Amino acid sequence: MVEIEEAIQLCNSKSNKEAIIACKFELLHKITEKQDIVNLNLMKTLDDDADERWYPIHMVDNANAIILGISQNKGRPKSILRGHYVEEKITSLDEKWSYVKKMYGD
């Protein structure tokens, strides 16, 4: 965690607000890429669509993709919307969430 805190402080030392924001989006992107690697490895390890954790793990995959898409576009709504990538991942996440609620909800 110290590395992340140091990286945030480095971003905070930038000369202006836009540079700070760009730096923090880049940091968020790098962190999410690492998170994505762990989750993809988890997906390979589980490798069983009958396991109740299958959909939640794939939901994490979608959530990571959403964060990657937003951070890659530095949070700029027009850029995010132009690509349709984030929208596709949100739709996929919502479908998985609906399935989990239907199958495992009370």
C-alpha atoms as a PDB file:
ATOM      1  CA  MET A   1       0.000   0.000   0.000  1.00  0.00           C
ATOM      2  CA  VAL A   2       2.936   2.322   0.612  1.00  0.00           C
ATOM      3  CA  GLU A   3       3.739   2.180  -3.104  1.00  0.00           C
ATOM      4  CA  ILE A   4       0.249   3.377  -3.960  1.00  0.00           C
ATOM      5  CA  GLU A   5       0.371   6.144  -1.369  1.00  0.00           C
ATOM      6  CA  GLU A   6       3.747   7.248  -2.754  1.00  0.00           C
ATOM      7  CA  ALA A   7       2.380   7.203  -6.295  1.00  0.00           C
ATOM      8  CA  ILE A   8      -0.578   9.344  -5.203  1.00  0.00           C
ATOM      9  CA  GLN A   9       1.798  11.804  -3.555  1.00  0.00           C
ATOM     10  CA  LEU A  10       3.835  11.916  -6.770  1.00  0.00           C
ATOM     11  CA  CYS A  11       0.654  12.715  -8.676  1.00  0.00           C
ATOM     12  CA  ASN A  12      -0.235  15.385  -6.126  1.00  0.00           C
ATOM     13  CA  SER A  13       3.121  17.047  -6.722  1.00  0.00           C
ATOM     14  CA  LYS A  14       2.280  17.750 -10.380  1.00  0.00           C
ATOM     15  CA  SER A  15       2.134  21.374 -11.442  1.00  0.00           C
ATOM     16  CA  ASN A  16      -1.594  21.755 -12.092  1.00  0.00           C
ATOM     17  CA  LYS A  17      -4.956  20.128 -11.514  1.00  0.00           C
ATOM     18  CA  GLU A  18      -5.196  18.581 -15.009  1.00  0.00           C
ATOM     19  CA  ALA A  19      -1.768  16.966 -14.667  1.00  0.00           C
ATOM     20  CA  ILE A  20      -2.716  15.629 -11.231  1.00  0.00           C
ATOM     21  CA  ILE A  21      -5.977  14.166 -12.548  1.00  0.00           C
ATOM     22  CA  ALA A  22      -4.264  12.608 -15.579  1.00  0.00           C
ATOM     23  CA  CYS A  23      -1.620  11.082 -13.315  1.00  0.00           C
ATOM     24  CA  LYS A  24      -4.230   9.612 -10.978  1.00  0.00           C
ATOM     25  CA  PHE A  25      -6.223   8.133 -13.870  1.00  0.00           C
ATOM     26  CA  GLU A  26      -3.012   6.515 -15.136  1.00  0.00           C
ATOM     27  CA  LEU A  27      -2.368   5.119 -11.656  1.00  0.00           C
ATOM     28  CA  LEU A  28      -5.928   3.807 -11.411  1.00  0.00           C
ATOM     29  CA  HIS A  29      -5.498   2.170 -14.826  1.00  0.00           C
ATOM     30  CA  LYS A  30      -2.247   0.450 -13.784  1.00  0.00           C
ATOM     31  CA  ILE A  31      -3.759  -0.797 -10.522  1.00  0.00           C
ATOM     32  CA  THR A  32      -6.824  -2.147 -12.337  1.00  0.00           C
ATOM     33  CA  GLU A  33      -4.628  -3.928 -14.883  1.00  0.00           C
ATOM     34  CA  LYS A  34      -2.941  -5.769 -12.009  1.00  0.00           C
ATOM     35  CA  GLN A  35      -6.316  -6.516 -10.432  1.00  0.00           C
ATOM     36  CA  ASP A  36      -7.480  -7.846 -13.802  1.00  0.00           C
ATOM     37  CA  ILE A  37      -4.500 -10.209 -14.012  1.00  0.00           C
ATOM     38  CA  VAL A  38      -5.348 -11.665 -10.598  1.00  0.00           C
ATOM     39  CA  ASN A  39      -9.012 -12.065 -11.523  1.00  0.00           C
ATOM     40  CA  LEU A  40      -8.213 -13.698 -14.887  1.00  0.00           C
ATOM     41  CA  ASN A  41      -5.999 -16.145 -13.017  1.00  0.00           C
ATOM     42  CA  LEU A  42      -8.833 -16.772 -10.568  1.00  0.00           C
ATOM     43  CA  MET A  43     -11.168 -17.467 -13.501  1.00  0.00           C
ATOM     44  CA  LYS A  44      -8.708 -20.026 -14.897  1.00  0.00           C
ATOM     45  CA  THR A  45      -8.373 -21.676 -11.499  1.00  0.00           C
ATOM     46  CA  LEU A  46     -12.112 -21.954 -10.922  1.00  0.00           C
ATOM     47  CA  ASP A  47     -12.884 -23.048 -14.515  1.00  0.00           C
ATOM     48  CA  ASP A  48     -16.297 -24.457 -13.571  1.00  0.00           C
ATOM     49  CA  ASP A  49     -19.465 -22.709 -14.717  1.00  0.00           C
ATOM     50  CA  ALA A  50     -21.487 -24.866 -12.310  1.00  0.00           C
ATOM     51  CA  ASP A  51     -19.705 -23.273  -9.334  1.00  0.00           C
ATOM     52  CA  GLU A  52     -21.782 -20.534  -7.691  1.00  0.00           C
ATOM     53  CA  ARG A  53     -18.766 -18.206  -7.812  1.00  0.00           C
ATOM     54  CA  TRP A  54     -18.605 -18.336 -11.625  1.00  0.00           C
ATOM     55  CA  TYR A  55     -20.866 -15.358 -12.244  1.00  0.00           C
ATOM     56  CA  PRO A  56     -19.476 -13.139  -9.458  1.00  0.00           C
ATOM     57  CA  ILE A  57     -15.937 -13.707 -10.745  1.00  0.00           C
ATOM     58  CA  HIS A  58     -17.103 -12.730 -14.228  1.00  0.00           C
ATOM     59  CA  MET A  59     -18.809  -9.701 -12.695  1.00  0.00           C
ATOM     60  CA  VAL A  60     -15.403  -8.636 -11.356  1.00  0.00           C
ATOM     61  CA  ASP A  61     -14.048  -9.058 -14.887  1.00  0.00           C
ATOM     62  CA  ASN A  62     -16.738  -6.687 -16.163  1.00  0.00           C
ATOM     63  CA  ALA A  63     -16.149  -4.228 -13.325  1.00  0.00           C
ATOM     64  CA  ASN A  64     -12.424  -4.163 -14.072  1.00  0.00           C
ATOM     65  CA  ALA A  65     -13.170  -3.615 -17.750  1.00  0.00           C
ATOM     66  CA  ILE A  66     -15.445  -0.699 -16.859  1.00  0.00           C
ATOM     67  CA  ILE A  67     -12.728   0.906 -14.727  1.00  0.00           C
ATOM     68  CA  LEU A  68     -10.127   0.303 -17.447  1.00  0.00           C
ATOM     69  CA  GLY A  69     -12.359   1.887 -20.080  1.00  0.00           C
ATOM     70  CA  ILE A  70     -13.106   4.932 -17.951  1.00  0.00           C
ATOM     71  CA  SER A  71      -9.521   5.411 -16.771  1.00  0.00           C
ATOM     72  CA  GLN A  72      -8.117   4.958 -20.280  1.00  0.00           C
ATOM     73  CA  ASN A  73     -10.347   7.827 -21.404  1.00  0.00           C
ATOM     74  CA  LYS A  74      -9.309   9.897 -18.353  1.00  0.00           C
ATOM     75  CA  GLY A  75     -12.952  10.118 -17.229  1.00  0.00           C
ATOM     76  CA  ARG A  76     -14.022  12.138 -20.275  1.00  0.00           C
ATOM     77  CA  PRO A  77     -17.700  11.211 -20.914  1.00  0.00           C
ATOM     78  CA  LYS A  78     -17.652  11.930 -24.662  1.00  0.00           C
ATOM     79  CA  SER A  79     -14.594   9.738 -25.165  1.00  0.00           C
ATOM     80  CA  ILE A  80     -16.100   6.977 -23.033  1.00  0.00           C
ATOM     81  CA  LEU A  81     -19.384   7.068 -24.951  1.00  0.00           C
ATOM     82  CA  ARG A  82     -17.704   7.103 -28.361  1.00  0.00           C
ATOM     83  CA  GLY A  83     -16.097   3.728 -27.794  1.00  0.00           C
ATOM     84  CA  HIS A  84     -19.169   1.750 -26.597  1.00  0.00           C
ATOM     85  CA  TYR A  85     -16.773  -0.544 -24.676  1.00  0.00           C
ATOM     86  CA  VAL A  86     -17.833   0.659 -21.234  1.00  0.00           C
ATOM     87  CA  GLU A  87     -21.510   0.446 -22.147  1.00  0.00           C
ATOM     88  CA  GLU A  88     -21.102  -3.161 -23.316  1.00  0.00           C
ATOM     89  CA  LYS A  89     -19.364  -4.082 -20.063  1.00  0.00           C
ATOM     90  CA  ILE A  90     -22.018  -2.333 -17.956  1.00  0.00           C
ATOM     91  CA  THR A  91     -24.742  -4.240 -19.817  1.00  0.00           C
ATOM     92  CA  SER A  92     -22.880  -7.506 -19.311  1.00  0.00           C
ATOM     93  CA  LEU A  93     -22.363  -6.765 -15.612  1.00  0.00           C
ATOM     94  CA  ASP A  94     -26.047  -5.924 -15.203  1.00  0.00           C
ATOM     95  CA  GLU A  95     -27.088  -9.174 -16.925  1.00  0.00           C
ATOM     96  CA  LYS A  96     -24.833 -11.208 -14.637  1.00  0.00           C
ATOM     97  CA  TRP A  97     -26.129  -9.357 -11.581  1.00  0.00           C
ATOM     98  CA  SER A  98     -29.719 -10.066 -12.614  1.00  0.00           C
ATOM     99  CA  TYR A  99     -28.877 -13.750 -13.047  1.00  0.00           C
ATOM    100  CA  VAL A 100     -27.194 -13.949  -9.621  1.00  0.00           C
ATOM    101  CA  LYS A 101     -30.199 -12.292  -7.943  1.00  0.00           C
ATOM    102  CA  LYS A 102     -32.601 -14.620  -9.751  1.00  0.00           C
ATOM    103  CA  MET A 103     -30.654 -17.788  -8.938  1.00  0.00           C
ATOM    104  CA  TYR A 104     -29.403 -17.037  -5.432  1.00  0.00           C
ATOM    105  CA  GLY A 105     -31.615 -14.277  -4.065  1.00  0.00           C
ATOM    106  CA  ASP A 106     -34.259 -14.836  -1.468  1.00  0.00           C
END
